């Protein structure tokens, strides 16, 4: 994925689900590799990504 003048590589794998009583929550382990991306752009991307990954809310 192109990100400004740099690039972002994503790698993921399925992890064991979190189990709380009768509830089972699926999980993914995700790693990010930024190349040639400045800290400000990296931070902005991760903030937006985190926002979209949040569950629940108003």
C-alpha atoms as a PDB file:
ATOM      1  CA  UNK A   1       0.000   0.000   0.000  1.00  0.00           C
ATOM      2  CA  UNK A   2       1.368   3.420  -0.918  1.00  0.00           C
ATOM      3  CA  UNK A   3       1.340   5.964   1.894  1.00  0.00           C
ATOM      4  CA  UNK A   4       2.508   9.391   0.780  1.00  0.00           C
ATOM      5  CA  UNK A   5       6.037   8.946  -0.598  1.00  0.00           C
ATOM      6  CA  UNK A   6       6.491   5.714   1.388  1.00  0.00           C
ATOM      7  CA  UNK A   7       4.823   2.362   1.714  1.00  0.00           C
ATOM      8  CA  UNK A   8       3.022   0.266   4.290  1.00  0.00           C
ATOM      9  CA  UNK A   9       3.193  -3.506   4.474  1.00  0.00           C
ATOM     10  CA  UNK A  10       0.635  -5.456   6.493  1.00  0.00           C
ATOM     11  CA  UNK A  11       0.976  -8.983   7.766  1.00  0.00           C
ATOM     12  CA  UNK A  12      -1.699 -10.828   9.756  1.00  0.00           C
ATOM     13  CA  UNK A  13      -2.553 -14.200  11.158  1.00  0.00           C
ATOM     14  CA  UNK A  14      -5.585 -15.658  12.882  1.00  0.00           C
ATOM     15  CA  UNK A  15      -5.095 -15.990  16.641  1.00  0.00           C
ATOM     16  CA  UNK A  16      -6.952 -18.100  19.159  1.00  0.00           C
ATOM     17  CA  UNK A  17     -10.256 -16.485  20.113  1.00  0.00           C
ATOM     18  CA  UNK A  18     -10.810 -14.799  23.482  1.00  0.00           C
ATOM     19  CA  UNK A  19     -13.398 -16.775  25.402  1.00  0.00           C
ATOM     20  CA  UNK A  20     -15.379 -15.213  28.246  1.00  0.00           C
ATOM     21  CA  UNK A  21     -18.043 -17.592  29.512  1.00  0.00           C
ATOM     22  CA  UNK A  22     -20.181 -18.518  26.511  1.00  0.00           C
ATOM     23  CA  UNK A  23     -18.859 -15.628  24.380  1.00  0.00           C
ATOM     24  CA  UNK A  24     -16.051 -16.270  21.891  1.00  0.00           C
ATOM     25  CA  UNK A  25     -14.385 -13.222  20.289  1.00  0.00           C
ATOM     26  CA  UNK A  26     -12.271 -13.782  17.151  1.00  0.00           C
ATOM     27  CA  UNK A  27      -8.790 -12.198  17.025  1.00  0.00           C
ATOM     28  CA  UNK A  28      -6.232 -11.241  14.386  1.00  0.00           C
ATOM     29  CA  UNK A  29      -2.575 -10.514  15.090  1.00  0.00           C
ATOM     30  CA  UNK A  30      -1.525  -7.688  12.767  1.00  0.00           C
ATOM     31  CA  UNK A  31       1.956  -6.265  12.181  1.00  0.00           C
ATOM     32  CA  UNK A  32       2.718  -3.043  10.313  1.00  0.00           C
ATOM     33  CA  UNK A  33       5.912  -2.233   8.400  1.00  0.00           C
ATOM     34  CA  UNK A  34       6.319   1.386   7.336  1.00  0.00           C
ATOM     35  CA  UNK A  35       9.044   2.255   4.831  1.00  0.00           C
ATOM     36  CA  UNK A  36       9.875   5.847   3.961  1.00  0.00           C
ATOM     37  CA  UNK A  37       6.949   7.242   5.973  1.00  0.00           C
ATOM     38  CA  UNK A  38       7.529  10.138   8.353  1.00  0.00           C
ATOM     39  CA  UNK A  39       6.353   9.974  11.967  1.00  0.00           C
ATOM     40  CA  UNK A  40       3.483  12.445  11.499  1.00  0.00           C
ATOM     41  CA  UNK A  41       1.992  10.465   8.594  1.00  0.00           C
ATOM     42  CA  UNK A  42       2.532   7.188  10.467  1.00  0.00           C
ATOM     43  CA  UNK A  43       0.772   8.555  13.547  1.00  0.00           C
ATOM     44  CA  UNK A  44      -2.156   9.923  11.493  1.00  0.00           C
ATOM     45  CA  UNK A  45      -2.597   6.565   9.750  1.00  0.00           C
ATOM     46  CA  UNK A  46      -2.489   4.569  13.015  1.00  0.00           C
ATOM     47  CA  UNK A  47      -4.940   6.951  14.727  1.00  0.00           C
ATOM     48  CA  UNK A  48      -7.442   6.516  11.886  1.00  0.00           C
ATOM     49  CA  UNK A  49      -6.854   2.760  11.752  1.00  0.00           C
ATOM     50  CA  UNK A  50      -7.405   2.425  15.519  1.00  0.00           C
ATOM     51  CA  UNK A  51     -10.628   4.429  15.263  1.00  0.00           C
ATOM     52  CA  UNK A  52     -12.026   2.099  12.599  1.00  0.00           C
ATOM     53  CA  UNK A  53     -11.047  -1.012  14.572  1.00  0.00           C
ATOM     54  CA  UNK A  54     -12.840   0.029  17.783  1.00  0.00           C
ATOM     55  CA  UNK A  55     -15.931  -1.934  18.692  1.00  0.00           C
ATOM     56  CA  UNK A  56     -19.127  -0.538  20.180  1.00  0.00           C
ATOM     57  CA  UNK A  57     -19.223   3.156  20.965  1.00  0.00           C
ATOM     58  CA  UNK A  58     -22.021   5.634  20.367  1.00  0.00           C
END
